[in-house]
């Protein structure tokens, strides 16, 4: 299932108040590896998760990490960034 997301820009919703956007380059049983990623702490802004992601679709990923590993046990959902709808 995750193979179809490799080398794609993805959005990862986490259990914590973080959201991660970037290009999925690799994964194993414990971690997802993203490059050119935005690991965003939603406590740092007044916007909602949905608005932050929609803004990133419209304006591009605001990269703050060249490379980041996300623990799979913390993931609620993952999807292609292009699959995000703003309706």
N, C-alpha and C. Protein backbone atom coordinates (compact mmCIF):
# COMPACT_ATOMS: atom_id res chain seq x y z
N UNK A 1 0.82 -1.20 0.00
CA UNK A 1 0.00 0.00 0.00
C UNK A 1 0.86 1.26 0.00
N UNK A 2 1.87 1.31 0.84
CA UNK A 2 2.72 2.50 0.90
C UNK A 2 3.60 2.63 -0.34
N UNK A 3 3.83 1.52 -1.05
CA UNK A 3 4.67 1.60 -2.24
C UNK A 3 4.15 2.62 -3.25
N UNK A 4 2.83 2.73 -3.38
CA UNK A 4 2.27 3.68 -4.34
C UNK A 4 2.50 5.13 -3.94
N UNK A 5 2.90 5.36 -2.70
CA UNK A 5 3.17 6.72 -2.23
C UNK A 5 4.65 7.09 -2.30
N UNK A 6 5.52 6.13 -2.60
CA UNK A 6 6.94 6.42 -2.68
C UNK A 6 7.23 7.45 -3.75
N UNK A 7 8.11 8.38 -3.44
CA UNK A 7 8.52 9.48 -4.31
C UNK A 7 7.40 10.48 -4.59
N UNK A 8 6.34 10.42 -3.80
CA UNK A 8 5.22 11.36 -3.92
C UNK A 8 5.26 12.34 -2.75
N UNK A 9 4.72 13.54 -2.98
CA UNK A 9 4.53 14.47 -1.87
C UNK A 9 3.32 13.99 -1.08
N UNK A 10 3.51 13.86 0.23
CA UNK A 10 2.46 13.31 1.08
C UNK A 10 2.19 14.24 2.26
N UNK A 11 1.03 14.04 2.86
CA UNK A 11 0.69 14.69 4.12
C UNK A 11 0.44 13.58 5.13
N UNK A 12 1.05 13.72 6.30
CA UNK A 12 0.92 12.71 7.36
C UNK A 12 0.30 13.38 8.58
N UNK A 13 -0.87 12.91 8.96
CA UNK A 13 -1.52 13.37 10.18
C UNK A 13 -1.03 12.49 11.32
N UNK A 14 -0.61 13.13 12.39
CA UNK A 14 -0.05 12.40 13.53
C UNK A 14 -0.98 12.46 14.74
N UNK A 15 -0.80 11.53 15.65
CA UNK A 15 -1.57 11.49 16.89
C UNK A 15 -1.36 12.78 17.68
N UNK A 16 -0.16 13.24 17.69
CA UNK A 16 0.20 14.48 18.40
C UNK A 16 -0.26 15.69 17.60
N UNK A 17 -0.11 16.89 18.14
CA UNK A 17 -0.52 18.09 17.41
C UNK A 17 0.50 18.50 16.34
N UNK A 18 1.01 17.52 15.62
CA UNK A 18 1.94 17.77 14.52
C UNK A 18 1.33 17.25 13.23
N UNK A 19 1.74 17.87 12.14
CA UNK A 19 1.43 17.38 10.81
C UNK A 19 2.74 17.44 10.03
N UNK A 20 2.95 16.47 9.16
CA UNK A 20 4.20 16.41 8.41
C UNK A 20 3.89 16.31 6.93
N UNK A 21 4.55 17.15 6.15
CA UNK A 21 4.39 17.15 4.70
C UNK A 21 5.77 17.00 4.08
N UNK A 22 5.86 16.26 2.99
CA UNK A 22 7.14 16.10 2.31
C UNK A 22 7.07 14.96 1.32
N UNK A 23 8.23 14.64 0.74
CA UNK A 23 8.32 13.57 -0.24
C UNK A 23 8.72 12.28 0.47
N UNK A 24 7.86 11.27 0.39
CA UNK A 24 8.13 9.98 1.01
C UNK A 24 9.17 9.24 0.18
N UNK A 25 10.31 8.94 0.78
CA UNK A 25 11.38 8.29 0.02
C UNK A 25 11.66 6.86 0.46
N UNK A 26 11.25 6.53 1.68
CA UNK A 26 11.54 5.18 2.19
C UNK A 26 10.70 4.91 3.41
N UNK A 27 10.49 3.62 3.69
CA UNK A 27 9.80 3.24 4.93
C UNK A 27 10.24 1.84 5.33
N UNK A 28 10.07 1.57 6.61
CA UNK A 28 10.26 0.21 7.12
C UNK A 28 9.16 -0.04 8.14
N UNK A 29 9.30 -1.08 8.94
CA UNK A 29 8.23 -1.41 9.87
C UNK A 29 8.04 -0.38 10.98
N UNK A 30 9.04 0.47 11.22
CA UNK A 30 8.97 1.42 12.32
C UNK A 30 8.90 2.89 11.91
N UNK A 31 9.49 3.23 10.76
CA UNK A 31 9.61 4.64 10.38
C UNK A 31 9.23 4.90 8.94
N UNK A 32 8.80 6.14 8.70
CA UNK A 32 8.64 6.68 7.36
C UNK A 32 9.72 7.75 7.21
N UNK A 33 10.41 7.76 6.08
CA UNK A 33 11.43 8.78 5.83
C UNK A 33 10.92 9.75 4.77
N UNK A 34 10.96 11.03 5.11
CA UNK A 34 10.56 12.08 4.17
C UNK A 34 11.73 13.01 3.93
N UNK A 35 11.81 13.53 2.73
CA UNK A 35 12.82 14.54 2.40
C UNK A 35 12.11 15.83 2.02
N UNK A 36 12.85 16.94 2.18
CA UNK A 36 12.31 18.27 1.90
C UNK A 36 10.95 18.42 2.59
N UNK A 37 10.97 18.21 3.89
CA UNK A 37 9.75 18.08 4.67
C UNK A 37 9.45 19.31 5.52
N UNK A 38 8.19 19.42 5.86
CA UNK A 38 7.69 20.43 6.80
C UNK A 38 7.09 19.66 7.97
N UNK A 39 7.79 19.64 9.09
CA UNK A 39 7.25 19.06 10.32
C UNK A 39 6.70 20.23 11.12
N UNK A 40 5.38 20.34 11.16
CA UNK A 40 4.73 21.53 11.70
C UNK A 40 4.01 21.22 13.01
N UNK A 41 4.34 21.99 14.04
CA UNK A 41 3.68 21.90 15.34
C UNK A 41 2.49 22.85 15.32
N UNK A 42 1.30 22.30 15.34
CA UNK A 42 0.08 23.12 15.24
C UNK A 42 -0.13 24.01 16.45
N UNK A 43 0.58 23.75 17.52
CA UNK A 43 0.49 24.63 18.70
C UNK A 43 1.17 25.97 18.45
N UNK A 44 2.00 26.04 17.41
CA UNK A 44 2.72 27.27 17.10
C UNK A 44 1.90 28.27 16.29
N UNK A 45 0.73 27.85 15.81
CA UNK A 45 -0.12 28.72 15.00
C UNK A 45 -1.55 28.65 15.50
N UNK A 46 -2.34 29.59 15.05
CA UNK A 46 -3.76 29.59 15.43
C UNK A 46 -4.63 28.90 14.40
N UNK A 47 -4.04 28.41 13.33
CA UNK A 47 -4.80 27.76 12.27
C UNK A 47 -5.09 26.30 12.62
N UNK A 48 -6.07 25.73 11.95
CA UNK A 48 -6.40 24.32 12.14
C UNK A 48 -5.50 23.46 11.26
N UNK A 49 -5.48 22.19 11.54
CA UNK A 49 -4.72 21.23 10.72
C UNK A 49 -5.19 21.30 9.27
N UNK A 50 -6.50 21.30 9.08
CA UNK A 50 -7.06 21.29 7.73
C UNK A 50 -6.67 22.54 6.95
N UNK A 51 -6.74 23.70 7.60
CA UNK A 51 -6.38 24.94 6.92
C UNK A 51 -4.89 25.00 6.62
N UNK A 52 -4.06 24.51 7.52
CA UNK A 52 -2.62 24.51 7.29
C UNK A 52 -2.28 23.63 6.08
N UNK A 53 -2.88 22.45 6.02
CA UNK A 53 -2.61 21.54 4.90
C UNK A 53 -3.14 22.13 3.60
N UNK A 54 -4.35 22.69 3.62
CA UNK A 54 -4.91 23.31 2.41
C UNK A 54 -4.03 24.45 1.92
N UNK A 55 -3.50 25.24 2.84
CA UNK A 55 -2.60 26.33 2.47
C UNK A 55 -1.31 25.77 1.85
N UNK A 56 -0.83 24.67 2.36
CA UNK A 56 0.38 24.05 1.80
C UNK A 56 0.13 23.50 0.40
N UNK A 57 -1.07 23.01 0.14
CA UNK A 57 -1.42 22.57 -1.20
C UNK A 57 -1.38 23.76 -2.15
N UNK A 58 -1.94 24.88 -1.70
CA UNK A 58 -2.04 26.07 -2.55
C UNK A 58 -0.70 26.78 -2.75
N UNK A 59 0.13 26.84 -1.71
CA UNK A 59 1.35 27.65 -1.78
C UNK A 59 2.64 26.84 -1.80
N UNK A 60 2.54 25.55 -1.58
CA UNK A 60 3.73 24.70 -1.56
C UNK A 60 4.15 24.35 -0.14
N UNK A 61 4.92 23.29 -0.04
CA UNK A 61 5.42 22.82 1.26
C UNK A 61 6.47 23.79 1.77
N UNK A 62 6.31 24.20 3.02
CA UNK A 62 7.25 25.13 3.65
C UNK A 62 8.34 24.31 4.34
N UNK A 63 9.33 23.92 3.59
CA UNK A 63 10.37 23.01 4.05
C UNK A 63 11.13 23.57 5.25
N UNK A 64 11.20 22.76 6.31
CA UNK A 64 12.04 23.11 7.46
C UNK A 64 12.95 21.94 7.87
N UNK A 65 12.91 20.88 7.09
CA UNK A 65 13.78 19.73 7.32
C UNK A 65 14.23 19.18 5.97
N UNK A 66 15.53 18.93 5.82
CA UNK A 66 16.01 18.25 4.61
C UNK A 66 15.57 16.79 4.63
N UNK A 67 15.54 16.24 5.85
CA UNK A 67 15.21 14.82 6.02
C UNK A 67 14.61 14.64 7.40
N UNK A 68 13.55 13.84 7.47
CA UNK A 68 12.91 13.58 8.76
C UNK A 68 12.39 12.14 8.77
N UNK A 69 12.47 11.51 9.94
CA UNK A 69 11.91 10.18 10.15
C UNK A 69 10.70 10.31 11.05
N UNK A 70 9.60 9.72 10.63
CA UNK A 70 8.36 9.77 11.40
C UNK A 70 8.06 8.36 11.89
N UNK A 71 7.80 8.24 13.17
CA UNK A 71 7.48 6.93 13.75
C UNK A 71 6.10 6.48 13.27
N UNK A 72 6.01 5.32 12.67
CA UNK A 72 4.75 4.83 12.11
C UNK A 72 3.68 4.65 13.17
N UNK A 73 4.07 4.35 14.39
CA UNK A 73 3.08 4.16 15.46
C UNK A 73 2.37 5.46 15.81
N UNK A 74 2.92 6.60 15.39
CA UNK A 74 2.31 7.91 15.66
C UNK A 74 1.40 8.39 14.53
N UNK A 75 1.35 7.64 13.43
CA UNK A 75 0.61 8.06 12.25
C UNK A 75 -0.87 7.71 12.37
N UNK A 76 -1.71 8.70 12.12
CA UNK A 76 -3.15 8.49 12.05
C UNK A 76 -3.56 8.23 10.61
N UNK A 77 -3.00 9.03 9.68
CA UNK A 77 -3.35 8.91 8.27
C UNK A 77 -2.22 9.44 7.41
N UNK A 78 -2.13 8.90 6.19
CA UNK A 78 -1.17 9.40 5.21
C UNK A 78 -1.86 9.40 3.85
N UNK A 79 -1.65 10.46 3.10
CA UNK A 79 -2.21 10.54 1.75
C UNK A 79 -1.34 11.40 0.87
N UNK A 80 -1.53 11.28 -0.43
CA UNK A 80 -0.83 12.15 -1.36
C UNK A 80 -1.29 13.57 -1.12
N UNK A 81 -0.38 14.50 -1.21
CA UNK A 81 -0.74 15.91 -1.04
C UNK A 81 -1.76 16.32 -2.09
N UNK A 82 -1.62 15.79 -3.30
CA UNK A 82 -2.55 16.14 -4.37
C UNK A 82 -3.96 15.60 -4.14
N UNK A 83 -4.12 14.66 -3.22
CA UNK A 83 -5.45 14.11 -2.91
C UNK A 83 -6.21 14.92 -1.87
N UNK A 84 -5.56 15.94 -1.31
CA UNK A 84 -6.23 16.80 -0.33
C UNK A 84 -7.24 17.67 -1.07
N UNK A 85 -8.47 17.70 -0.56
CA UNK A 85 -9.51 18.52 -1.17
C UNK A 85 -9.88 19.65 -0.22
N UNK A 86 -10.22 20.77 -0.81
CA UNK A 86 -10.59 21.95 -0.03
C UNK A 86 -11.99 22.37 -0.47
N UNK A 87 -12.98 21.74 0.12
CA UNK A 87 -14.37 22.02 -0.26
C UNK A 87 -15.18 22.44 0.93
